[in-house]
């Protein structure tokens, strides 16, 4: 595939809800790779930011925040059967928009399952009900009823989204390299059997962002390379992880949910204050934040094998994220203010001078130890590939593009998660925009160099226990 390939045509209307960094970054990709005219597209957003970018593409721009009270009234004249709603908003209920699209017969895609404003931090809700686990369960309750209806692609950004496809490619690569039958499975049972046969115990979404700006972070300012509201919202949710069958005991602050698929647990603390050990090929070992993401739950759920009423196999899955250094300082300051947002915020785009976003999946416990597979995308390359993007946003926007194309090609699949989509088609579309896509084996474990300065409570019998990854 090239950077000029038209993958499909779309004749309906397309509404993009939310036009922050991801909305602005995906717009040129939609026009580049889908046969789509500006008059077919409308942007609905809650602020003026991005108006100039919309004007450059002659796209209608509507500054009107969607609320519980007005969303249906606003959207009804704009969407009907065969149209498409691309939901890139914050503080707008994904489930409400998904239900609306099902009712009118419109296609739907989002990058996370978002609650109405305040849902991430509502103190009247238990930590369990403020979790991504609960949000995912609320969306999946509609799966059976929406079967055969217009396709609704849930959580298809970089992560969640693209990383689910990385996991499948990584499994095929490990099988090939260890002498296991590397025939690509054709269904969920086949993928579960492959992961279990390979002995994969832990999957990290291991990301290290080294992009730096020539404008230093100020006191009282939150700086990041992607949505600040999105990052703070999920960082204030409980830390969540898919809970593997090999784990010996729950963490002291770990809790199970009392409803749903039971594929994940949560910790009684925010993700942005929870750190874990992980590894990427360029960075080597580092500490990342255990930020809650839907993929930790959906991947663990997808790769679950049950036997006789109990779980025979499931990997532990979670995000391990080291954002750009200014974002780390911003999180430190945010935590010091007891999770009240700084008065100023700045999205790093044009002021970035160098750096790479190294985003991939780290599969551990198999015969070759650890294997990282993913994207190394530099800011220089990202700017060459597509306007209005940095390295972090382009990994998201191309995954949105790929999900939109897949939905257009498969318009009657009902509710679909990334793990249920053809990974080869998504990677075929996305790979030209991901920089260097590589797979690297390593001998790292979370026990490496431990106890050198002080004694530590570790499990030396099984390096892949969560207690060995967690930083305490």
Protein backbone atom coordinates (compact mmCIF):
# COMPACT_ATOMS: atom_id res chain seq x y z
CA UNK A 1 0.00 0.00 0.00
CA UNK A 2 1.21 3.53 -0.76
CA UNK A 3 0.53 6.93 0.78
CA UNK A 4 -1.84 7.71 -2.10
CA UNK A 5 -3.90 4.49 -2.24
CA UNK A 6 -7.66 5.01 -2.25
CA UNK A 7 -8.85 2.08 -0.17
CA UNK A 8 -12.59 2.59 -0.60
CA UNK A 9 -15.36 5.01 -1.55
CA UNK A 10 -17.98 6.42 0.82
CA UNK A 11 -21.15 8.01 -0.50
CA UNK A 12 -22.93 8.86 2.75
CA UNK A 13 -22.56 11.73 5.18
CA UNK A 14 -19.77 11.67 7.75
CA UNK A 15 -19.94 13.48 11.09
CA UNK A 16 -16.78 13.85 13.17
CA UNK A 17 -17.61 14.56 16.81
CA UNK A 18 -14.65 16.16 18.59
CA UNK A 19 -11.87 17.94 16.73
CA UNK A 20 -8.82 17.98 18.99
CA UNK A 21 -5.43 16.63 18.01
CA UNK A 22 -6.82 13.32 16.73
CA UNK A 23 -9.69 14.85 14.76
CA UNK A 24 -7.39 17.35 13.10
CA UNK A 25 -4.80 14.67 12.39
CA UNK A 26 -7.22 12.17 10.85
CA UNK A 27 -8.97 14.62 8.51
CA UNK A 28 -6.24 14.67 5.81
CA UNK A 29 -5.96 10.88 6.01
CA UNK A 30 -9.69 10.42 5.39
CA UNK A 31 -9.57 12.52 2.25
CA UNK A 32 -6.30 10.92 1.09
CA UNK A 33 -7.42 7.29 1.37
CA UNK A 34 -11.23 7.36 1.04
CA UNK A 35 -13.12 8.63 -2.00
CA UNK A 36 -14.87 11.34 0.00
CA UNK A 37 -15.83 14.96 -0.75
CA UNK A 38 -15.64 17.89 1.70
CA UNK A 39 -19.36 18.59 1.43
CA UNK A 40 -20.06 15.11 2.86
CA UNK A 41 -18.25 15.91 6.13
CA UNK A 42 -19.38 17.90 9.17
CA UNK A 43 -17.33 18.53 12.31
CA UNK A 44 -19.11 19.04 15.64
CA UNK A 45 -16.86 20.14 18.47
CA UNK A 46 -16.95 21.94 21.80
CA UNK A 47 -14.37 24.68 21.07
CA UNK A 48 -12.96 26.84 18.29
CA UNK A 49 -9.62 25.00 18.18
CA UNK A 50 -9.22 23.36 14.77
CA UNK A 51 -11.48 25.78 12.86
CA UNK A 52 -8.65 26.90 10.58
CA UNK A 53 -7.73 23.29 9.78
CA UNK A 54 -11.35 22.49 8.90
CA UNK A 55 -11.52 25.59 6.70
CA UNK A 56 -8.40 24.48 4.83
CA UNK A 57 -10.29 21.36 3.73
CA UNK A 58 -13.58 23.23 3.12
CA UNK A 59 -15.32 21.17 5.78
CA UNK A 60 -18.32 22.47 7.72
CA UNK A 61 -17.34 23.31 11.31
CA UNK A 62 -19.96 23.50 14.07
CA UNK A 63 -18.91 24.73 17.52
CA UNK A 64 -21.66 23.20 19.65
CA UNK A 65 -20.92 20.96 22.66
CA UNK A 66 -23.01 17.79 22.70
CA UNK A 67 -24.82 17.12 25.99
CA UNK A 68 -27.24 14.56 27.38
CA UNK A 69 -30.05 16.97 26.57
CA UNK A 70 -29.18 18.01 23.02
CA UNK A 71 -27.15 15.28 21.29
CA UNK A 72 -30.07 13.51 19.60
CA UNK A 73 -31.65 16.75 18.44
CA UNK A 74 -28.33 17.98 17.00
CA UNK A 75 -27.43 14.72 15.25
CA UNK A 76 -30.81 13.67 13.83
CA UNK A 77 -30.70 16.04 10.81
CA UNK A 78 -27.11 14.99 10.07
CA UNK A 79 -27.14 11.19 10.26
CA UNK A 80 -29.27 8.43 8.80
CA UNK A 81 -28.97 5.00 7.27
CA UNK A 82 -25.59 4.46 5.62
CA UNK A 83 -23.96 7.55 7.15
CA UNK A 84 -20.95 7.47 9.53
CA UNK A 85 -20.30 8.99 12.97
CA UNK A 86 -16.61 9.15 13.92
CA UNK A 87 -16.54 9.83 17.66
CA UNK A 88 -13.26 11.48 18.75
CA UNK A 89 -14.78 13.52 21.58
CA UNK A 90 -14.27 13.74 25.32
CA UNK A 91 -17.07 14.12 27.87
CA UNK A 92 -19.67 12.71 25.46
CA UNK A 93 -21.14 9.27 26.19
CA UNK A 94 -19.92 6.74 23.64
CA UNK A 95 -22.78 4.39 24.48
CA UNK A 96 -25.35 7.13 23.88
CA UNK A 97 -23.85 7.94 20.46
CA UNK A 98 -23.54 4.25 19.59
CA UNK A 99 -27.20 3.64 20.49
CA UNK A 100 -28.23 6.63 18.39
CA UNK A 101 -26.30 5.31 15.37
CA UNK A 102 -27.85 1.87 15.72
CA UNK A 103 -31.33 3.42 15.82
CA UNK A 104 -30.82 5.43 12.62
CA UNK A 105 -28.67 2.83 10.81
CA UNK A 106 -25.40 4.81 10.77
CA UNK A 107 -21.91 3.37 11.06
CA UNK A 108 -19.96 4.26 14.21
CA UNK A 109 -16.36 4.30 15.48
CA UNK A 110 -14.69 5.59 18.64
CA UNK A 111 -11.22 5.42 20.18
CA UNK A 112 -12.34 4.80 23.76
CA UNK A 113 -15.61 4.25 25.60
CA UNK A 114 -16.20 7.68 27.08
CA UNK A 115 -18.74 8.60 29.80
CA UNK A 116 -20.62 11.86 30.07
CA UNK A 117 -18.62 14.69 31.67
CA UNK A 118 -17.51 13.85 35.20
CA UNK A 119 -17.99 10.11 34.85
CA UNK A 120 -14.31 9.28 35.33
CA UNK A 121 -14.08 11.04 38.69
CA UNK A 122 -17.64 10.98 40.07
CA UNK A 123 -17.16 10.28 43.83
CA UNK A 124 -20.72 8.98 44.10
CA UNK A 125 -19.65 5.96 42.00
CA UNK A 126 -17.52 3.14 43.35
CA UNK A 127 -14.03 2.71 41.82
CA UNK A 128 -15.39 -0.38 40.07
CA UNK A 129 -18.10 1.67 38.37
CA UNK A 130 -15.61 4.39 37.37
CA UNK A 131 -13.48 1.83 35.57
CA UNK A 132 -12.95 1.06 31.89
CA UNK A 133 -14.13 -2.46 32.74
CA UNK A 134 -17.55 -1.02 33.67
CA UNK A 135 -17.66 1.22 30.59
CA UNK A 136 -16.82 -1.73 28.34
CA UNK A 137 -19.48 -3.91 29.97
CA UNK A 138 -22.07 -1.17 29.50
CA UNK A 139 -21.32 -1.08 25.75
CA UNK A 140 -21.20 -4.86 25.30
CA UNK A 141 -24.62 -5.35 26.87
CA UNK A 142 -25.94 -4.15 23.49
CA UNK A 143 -23.89 -6.60 21.42
CA UNK A 144 -26.55 -9.27 20.99
CA UNK A 145 -29.32 -6.77 20.28
CA UNK A 146 -27.24 -4.91 17.70
CA UNK A 147 -26.14 -8.07 15.84
CA UNK A 148 -26.53 -7.69 12.09
CA UNK A 149 -27.05 -3.94 12.40
CA UNK A 150 -24.80 -1.12 11.26
CA UNK A 151 -21.18 -1.70 12.25
CA UNK A 152 -20.04 -0.01 15.46
CA UNK A 153 -16.27 -0.27 15.95
CA UNK A 154 -15.39 0.26 19.61
CA UNK A 155 -12.05 1.58 20.89
CA UNK A 156 -10.06 1.69 17.65
CA UNK A 157 -7.22 4.15 18.10
CA UNK A 158 -3.57 3.22 18.69
CA UNK A 159 -4.23 1.77 22.09
CA UNK A 160 -6.78 0.53 22.47
CA UNK A 161 -7.05 -0.56 18.85
CA UNK A 162 -3.86 -0.96 16.85
CA UNK A 163 -2.10 -2.84 19.64
CA UNK A 164 -4.62 -5.70 19.43
CA UNK A 165 -3.47 -6.26 15.86
CA UNK A 166 0.17 -6.04 16.95
CA UNK A 167 -0.51 -8.85 19.45
CA UNK A 168 -1.77 -11.19 16.75
CA UNK A 169 1.16 -10.44 14.43
CA UNK A 170 3.56 -10.94 17.34
CA UNK A 171 2.04 -14.35 18.15
CA UNK A 172 2.45 -15.48 14.54
CA UNK A 173 6.06 -14.26 14.54
CA UNK A 174 6.92 -16.04 17.79
CA UNK A 175 5.35 -19.25 16.52
CA UNK A 176 7.40 -19.04 13.35
CA UNK A 177 10.62 -18.38 15.27
CA UNK A 178 10.10 -21.16 17.84
CA UNK A 179 9.09 -23.95 15.46
CA UNK A 180 5.40 -23.90 16.37
CA UNK A 181 2.81 -24.14 13.59
CA UNK A 182 2.53 -20.53 12.43
CA UNK A 183 -0.65 -20.93 10.39
CA UNK A 184 -2.74 -17.84 11.04
CA UNK A 185 -5.78 -18.80 13.15
CA UNK A 186 -9.19 -18.14 11.65
CA UNK A 187 -11.22 -17.71 14.84
CA UNK A 188 -10.97 -16.76 18.48
CA UNK A 189 -10.50 -20.35 19.67
CA UNK A 190 -7.53 -20.70 17.34
CA UNK A 191 -5.88 -17.55 18.66
CA UNK A 192 -6.38 -18.60 22.27
CA UNK A 193 -4.91 -22.03 21.52
CA UNK A 194 -1.87 -20.43 19.86
CA UNK A 195 -1.16 -18.06 22.76
CA UNK A 196 -1.56 -20.89 25.27
CA UNK A 197 0.64 -23.23 23.25
CA UNK A 198 3.37 -20.59 23.05
CA UNK A 199 3.19 -20.07 26.82
CA UNK A 200 2.59 -16.30 26.74
CA UNK A 201 1.97 -15.23 30.33
CA UNK A 202 2.12 -11.44 30.21
CA UNK A 203 1.38 -8.82 27.54
CA UNK A 204 2.38 -5.21 28.09
CA UNK A 205 1.46 -2.35 25.84
CA UNK A 206 4.96 -0.94 26.34
CA UNK A 207 5.36 2.66 25.16
CA UNK A 208 8.16 5.18 25.54
CA UNK A 209 7.65 8.68 24.12
CA UNK A 210 10.90 10.68 23.83
CA UNK A 211 9.53 13.70 21.96
CA UNK A 212 10.83 16.99 23.36
CA UNK A 213 9.90 20.61 22.81
CA UNK A 214 11.90 23.82 22.63
CA UNK A 215 9.29 25.36 24.98
CA UNK A 216 9.87 24.14 28.56
CA UNK A 217 6.91 23.18 30.73
CA UNK A 218 5.83 25.98 33.04
CA UNK A 219 4.67 25.64 36.63
CA UNK A 220 0.89 25.26 36.61
CA UNK A 221 0.80 23.86 33.05
CA UNK A 222 -0.01 20.34 31.85
CA UNK A 223 1.93 19.47 28.70
CA UNK A 224 1.41 16.36 26.56
CA UNK A 225 1.77 15.06 23.01
CA UNK A 226 -1.90 14.01 22.79
CA UNK A 227 -5.23 14.85 24.42
CA UNK A 228 -4.58 16.31 27.86
CA UNK A 229 -8.19 15.94 28.98
CA UNK A 230 -8.16 12.33 27.79
CA UNK A 231 -4.89 11.51 29.56
CA UNK A 232 -5.89 13.14 32.84
CA UNK A 233 -9.31 11.49 32.75
CA UNK A 234 -7.95 7.98 32.33
CA UNK A 235 -5.04 8.68 34.69
CA UNK A 236 -7.51 9.49 37.47
CA UNK A 237 -9.45 6.26 36.93
CA UNK A 238 -8.39 3.19 38.93
CA UNK A 239 -5.37 1.32 37.59
CA UNK A 240 -6.73 -1.71 35.71
CA UNK A 241 -5.22 -4.85 34.27
CA UNK A 242 -6.32 -8.08 32.68
CA UNK A 243 -5.64 -10.74 35.30
CA UNK A 244 -3.76 -13.82 34.14
CA UNK A 245 -4.33 -17.45 35.09
CA UNK A 246 -0.68 -17.83 36.19
CA UNK A 247 -0.94 -15.17 38.91
CA UNK A 248 -0.61 -16.59 42.43
CA UNK A 249 -2.35 -13.88 44.47
CA UNK A 250 -4.16 -10.58 44.13
CA UNK A 251 -2.23 -7.44 45.03
CA UNK A 252 -3.10 -6.17 48.53
CA UNK A 253 -5.05 -3.29 46.98
CA UNK A 254 -6.44 -5.39 44.12
CA UNK A 255 -10.15 -5.92 43.72
CA UNK A 256 -12.34 -8.02 41.44
CA UNK A 257 -15.49 -6.66 39.85
CA UNK A 258 -18.80 -8.16 40.96
CA UNK A 259 -20.25 -8.22 37.43
CA UNK A 260 -19.31 -8.96 33.85
CA UNK A 261 -16.71 -11.24 32.27
CA UNK A 262 -14.24 -11.18 35.22
CA UNK A 263 -11.22 -10.85 32.91
CA UNK A 264 -9.69 -7.94 34.81
CA UNK A 265 -9.02 -6.50 38.24
CA UNK A 266 -8.53 -2.94 39.44
CA UNK A 267 -6.33 -1.38 42.09
CA UNK A 268 -7.60 1.02 44.73
CA UNK A 269 -5.46 3.84 43.42
CA UNK A 270 -5.25 6.01 40.29
CA UNK A 271 -3.40 4.68 37.28
CA UNK A 272 -1.30 7.83 37.11
CA UNK A 273 0.13 7.04 40.55
CA UNK A 274 0.85 3.37 39.77
CA UNK A 275 4.13 2.40 38.11
CA UNK A 276 5.33 -0.85 36.59
CA UNK A 277 8.59 -2.16 35.17
CA UNK A 278 8.71 -2.79 31.46
CA UNK A 279 11.06 -2.81 28.45
CA UNK A 280 11.27 -1.56 24.87
CA UNK A 281 14.17 -2.20 22.49
CA UNK A 282 15.35 1.42 22.14
CA UNK A 283 14.83 2.52 25.74
CA UNK A 284 15.67 -0.74 27.52
CA UNK A 285 14.21 -1.15 31.04
CA UNK A 286 12.09 1.69 32.42
CA UNK A 287 9.21 2.50 34.74
CA UNK A 288 5.85 3.20 33.10
CA UNK A 289 2.48 4.29 34.43
CA UNK A 290 -0.17 1.56 34.66
CA UNK A 291 -2.81 3.71 33.00
CA UNK A 292 -6.16 2.00 32.48
CA UNK A 293 -7.04 1.25 28.87
CA UNK A 294 -9.77 -0.88 27.36
CA UNK A 295 -7.27 -3.14 25.56
CA UNK A 296 -6.02 -4.50 28.89
CA UNK A 297 -9.50 -5.88 29.46
CA UNK A 298 -10.52 -6.85 25.91
CA UNK A 299 -7.24 -8.63 25.03
CA UNK A 300 -7.32 -10.57 28.31
CA UNK A 301 -10.96 -11.46 27.71
CA UNK A 302 -10.36 -12.47 24.09
CA UNK A 303 -7.44 -14.74 25.03
CA UNK A 304 -9.30 -16.60 27.79
CA UNK A 305 -9.70 -20.39 27.71
CA UNK A 306 -12.24 -21.88 30.11
CA UNK A 307 -12.57 -25.49 31.15
CA UNK A 308 -15.04 -27.02 33.59
CA UNK A 309 -16.26 -23.66 34.84
CA UNK A 310 -12.83 -22.18 35.56
CA UNK A 311 -10.22 -20.22 33.62
CA UNK A 312 -7.55 -22.56 32.30
CA UNK A 313 -5.54 -19.90 30.50
CA UNK A 314 -5.44 -16.12 30.34
CA UNK A 315 -2.47 -13.73 30.08
CA UNK A 316 -2.02 -10.74 32.36
CA UNK A 317 -2.40 -7.64 30.19
CA UNK A 318 -1.84 -3.97 30.92
CA UNK A 319 -0.50 -0.67 29.67
CA UNK A 320 3.00 0.42 30.74
CA UNK A 321 3.38 4.01 29.58
CA UNK A 322 6.24 6.47 29.83
CA UNK A 323 4.90 9.64 28.18
CA UNK A 324 7.13 12.47 27.04
CA UNK A 325 9.26 13.89 29.85
CA UNK A 326 7.21 17.09 30.16
CA UNK A 327 4.09 14.98 30.61
CA UNK A 328 5.80 13.05 33.43
CA UNK A 329 6.52 16.37 35.16
CA UNK A 330 2.90 17.36 34.54
CA UNK A 331 1.58 14.16 36.14
CA UNK A 332 3.87 14.68 39.15
CA UNK A 333 2.48 18.19 39.60
CA UNK A 334 -1.11 16.96 39.06
CA UNK A 335 -0.70 14.31 41.76
CA UNK A 336 0.69 16.93 44.14
CA UNK A 337 -2.53 18.91 43.69
CA UNK A 338 -4.57 15.82 44.59
CA UNK A 339 -5.61 15.26 40.97
CA UNK A 340 -7.02 18.72 40.31
CA UNK A 341 -6.01 19.83 36.82
CA UNK A 342 -3.49 22.62 36.33
CA UNK A 343 -4.97 25.98 35.22
CA UNK A 344 -3.14 25.84 31.88
CA UNK A 345 -2.62 23.07 29.34
CA UNK A 346 -0.57 22.82 26.16
CA UNK A 347 -0.64 20.22 23.42
CA UNK A 348 2.83 19.75 21.91
CA UNK A 349 2.72 19.79 18.10
CA UNK A 350 4.72 22.43 16.23
CA UNK A 351 7.19 23.09 19.07
CA UNK A 352 8.47 19.47 19.12
CA UNK A 353 12.10 19.48 17.93
CA UNK A 354 13.06 15.80 18.13
CA UNK A 355 12.09 12.40 19.51
CA UNK A 356 10.39 9.09 18.81
CA UNK A 357 7.23 7.39 20.02
CA UNK A 358 8.13 3.72 20.51
CA UNK A 359 4.75 1.99 20.83
CA UNK A 360 4.34 -1.77 20.80
CA UNK A 361 3.35 -4.91 22.61
CA UNK A 362 5.74 -6.88 24.82
CA UNK A 363 4.85 -10.58 25.01
CA UNK A 364 6.59 -12.48 27.82
CA UNK A 365 6.86 -16.00 29.19
CA UNK A 366 7.26 -17.91 25.91
CA UNK A 367 10.27 -20.01 24.87
CA UNK A 368 12.32 -16.98 23.78
CA UNK A 369 11.55 -14.95 26.88
CA UNK A 370 10.36 -11.51 25.78
CA UNK A 371 9.37 -10.18 22.34
CA UNK A 372 8.47 -6.57 21.55
CA UNK A 373 6.60 -5.83 18.33
CA UNK A 374 5.47 -2.41 17.24
CA UNK A 375 6.08 1.03 15.78
CA UNK A 376 9.06 3.36 16.10
CA UNK A 377 7.89 6.66 14.66
CA UNK A 378 9.97 9.83 14.84
CA UNK A 379 8.60 13.36 14.81
CA UNK A 380 10.60 14.05 11.65
CA UNK A 381 9.03 11.10 9.81
CA UNK A 382 5.53 11.87 11.13
CA UNK A 383 5.71 15.39 9.72
CA UNK A 384 6.83 14.04 6.35
CA UNK A 385 3.90 11.59 6.28
CA UNK A 386 0.90 13.72 7.22
CA UNK A 387 0.06 17.30 8.31
CA UNK A 388 -1.42 18.21 11.71
CA UNK A 389 0.28 15.24 13.42
CA UNK A 390 3.14 14.44 15.76
CA UNK A 391 4.54 10.94 16.24
CA UNK A 392 2.03 10.05 18.95
CA UNK A 393 -1.06 11.34 17.19
CA UNK A 394 -0.22 9.73 13.84
CA UNK A 395 -0.13 6.27 15.44
CA UNK A 396 -3.69 6.99 16.60
CA UNK A 397 -5.05 8.72 13.51
CA UNK A 398 -3.93 6.03 11.08
CA UNK A 399 -5.62 3.43 13.28
CA UNK A 400 -8.81 5.51 13.18
CA UNK A 401 -8.51 5.65 9.39
CA UNK A 402 -8.04 1.87 9.20
CA UNK A 403 -11.04 1.26 11.45
CA UNK A 404 -13.23 3.59 9.37
CA UNK A 405 -12.20 1.81 6.15
CA UNK A 406 -12.85 -1.61 7.68
CA UNK A 407 -16.31 -0.51 8.83
CA UNK A 408 -17.16 0.82 5.35
CA UNK A 409 -16.02 -2.52 3.88
CA UNK A 410 -17.98 -4.46 6.54
CA UNK A 411 -21.10 -2.35 7.16
CA UNK A 412 -23.41 -4.83 8.92
CA UNK A 413 -21.31 -6.39 11.68
CA UNK A 414 -22.99 -4.78 14.70
CA UNK A 415 -20.75 -4.06 17.70
CA UNK A 416 -17.13 -5.09 17.10
CA UNK A 417 -13.99 -4.76 19.22
CA UNK A 418 -10.48 -4.55 17.71
CA UNK A 419 -9.70 -8.15 18.70
CA UNK A 420 -12.52 -9.34 16.40
CA UNK A 421 -11.28 -7.50 13.29
CA UNK A 422 -8.97 -8.87 10.56
CA UNK A 423 -5.55 -7.78 11.83
CA UNK A 424 -3.93 -8.15 8.42
CA UNK A 425 -6.28 -5.64 6.79
CA UNK A 426 -5.72 -3.07 9.55
CA UNK A 427 -1.92 -3.42 9.43
CA UNK A 428 -1.96 -3.26 5.63
CA UNK A 429 -3.55 0.20 5.87
CA UNK A 430 -1.63 1.44 8.92
CA UNK A 431 1.94 0.23 8.37
CA UNK A 432 3.00 2.89 5.81
CA UNK A 433 2.41 5.52 8.53
CA UNK A 434 4.08 3.76 11.47
CA UNK A 435 7.75 4.41 10.74
CA UNK A 436 9.89 1.37 11.48
CA UNK A 437 7.67 -1.59 12.35
CA UNK A 438 9.95 -4.11 14.06
CA UNK A 439 9.99 -7.20 16.24
CA UNK A 440 12.84 -7.60 18.74
CA UNK A 441 13.60 -10.40 21.22
CA UNK A 442 15.18 -9.62 24.57
CA UNK A 443 16.33 -11.44 27.68
CA UNK A 444 14.88 -8.82 30.04
CA UNK A 445 12.72 -9.86 32.99
CA UNK A 446 11.38 -7.66 35.81
CA UNK A 447 13.90 -9.40 38.13
CA UNK A 448 16.88 -7.96 36.25
CA UNK A 449 19.27 -6.09 38.61
CA UNK A 450 16.78 -6.27 41.48
CA UNK A 451 17.90 -6.15 45.11
CA UNK A 452 21.25 -4.54 44.26
CA UNK A 453 20.98 -1.65 46.72
CA UNK A 454 18.22 -2.85 49.05
CA UNK A 455 16.44 -6.17 49.61
CA UNK A 456 13.15 -6.51 47.75
CA UNK A 457 10.11 -8.74 48.06
CA UNK A 458 10.16 -10.62 44.75
CA UNK A 459 9.06 -14.01 43.46
CA UNK A 460 12.20 -15.61 42.08
CA UNK A 461 10.36 -18.81 41.13
CA UNK A 462 8.25 -17.06 38.48
CA UNK A 463 9.58 -13.77 37.06
CA UNK A 464 6.27 -13.11 35.30
CA UNK A 465 4.23 -12.51 38.46
CA UNK A 466 2.63 -9.07 38.61
CA UNK A 467 4.25 -8.40 42.00
CA UNK A 468 7.62 -8.47 40.23
CA UNK A 469 6.54 -5.86 37.67
CA UNK A 470 4.93 -3.44 40.11
CA UNK A 471 7.04 -0.62 41.54
CA UNK A 472 6.41 -0.19 45.26
